[in-house]
Amino acid sequence: MILTTDLDNTLIYSYKHDIGNEKRCAEIYNGREISFITGKTFELLSAVKERHLIVPVTTRTEEQYRRIDLGAGGFEYALVCNGGVLLKNGSEDKSWYEQSMKLTESSLPEIKKAAAILGEDENVCFEIRCIRELFVFTKSREPEITAGILRQQLDSSLADVFTNGVKVYAVPKMLDKGTAVERLRDYLGEKEIFAAGDSEFDIPMIKTADHAVCPRGLVPAGENIIFCGDNELLSERMLEEALSL
């Protein structure tokens, strides 16, 4: 089985998130410890890695992904840039990226348009980044207002707009985690998919999976969906469920 898991707030947690005292540092940035996993997550992770193939699927860039060290050895595969880039044993699969560019080619004018719109938005308070020519990212003082402006002016059949805290993204329609996971399934040969995630970015991946764990309310209830309890950490529930399969 392949366990495709989001990273932030699914497997690892920001220093802003209280996950108790029994935790291990998972990420250092500019000399500061900024992300953590629980001790229980660390133990479960090692056990799951012996039974299943774990593939992180994240909107993080390759550079941001490489900052993460869970202390349990690396992952053979990782999907970064919202699935647009595949890393195999730490090296980029060039053909995967080329195919991603082909899949998103029709959306490129809308992504360029999004960057131009963001450049005129007075609420934008960060540089406007075009990530690997795949999608646009920035930060806004009023993220919902900025996202609303983008949604009004972009072709929704070609581009999606997301917010995550102060972050705002314009992403090609075909650059989603569900598409990436289906591509991975074909790449590795037909295998059962168990997915976990916590945000709007993760919904396509959860919907395409054979089994999934997520917070209640993210997607409608279904036979393949397990909802994480209010007093549970998604990382621990996900790995416990994976061990039971």
Foldseek 3Di string as FASTA:
>chain_A
DEEEEEPYLFAKYFPVDPPDDQWDQFFADPNRRTIIGGPLLLVLVLVLVVPHQYEYFYLAALVRVVRTDSPNDDHQWYAYNQLLWIAGNRHTDVVSNVVLCVQLVVLLVLQVVLQVLLVPDPQFDFHWDCRVSFKIKGFGVDQVVSQVVSVVPGDPQFWDWDDDVRMIMIGGPCRANLNSVVVVCVVVDHDAYEYEDEDQSCVSVCVNHQAYEYAPPSDDDDPRYDHDDPPDRNSNVSSVVSVVD
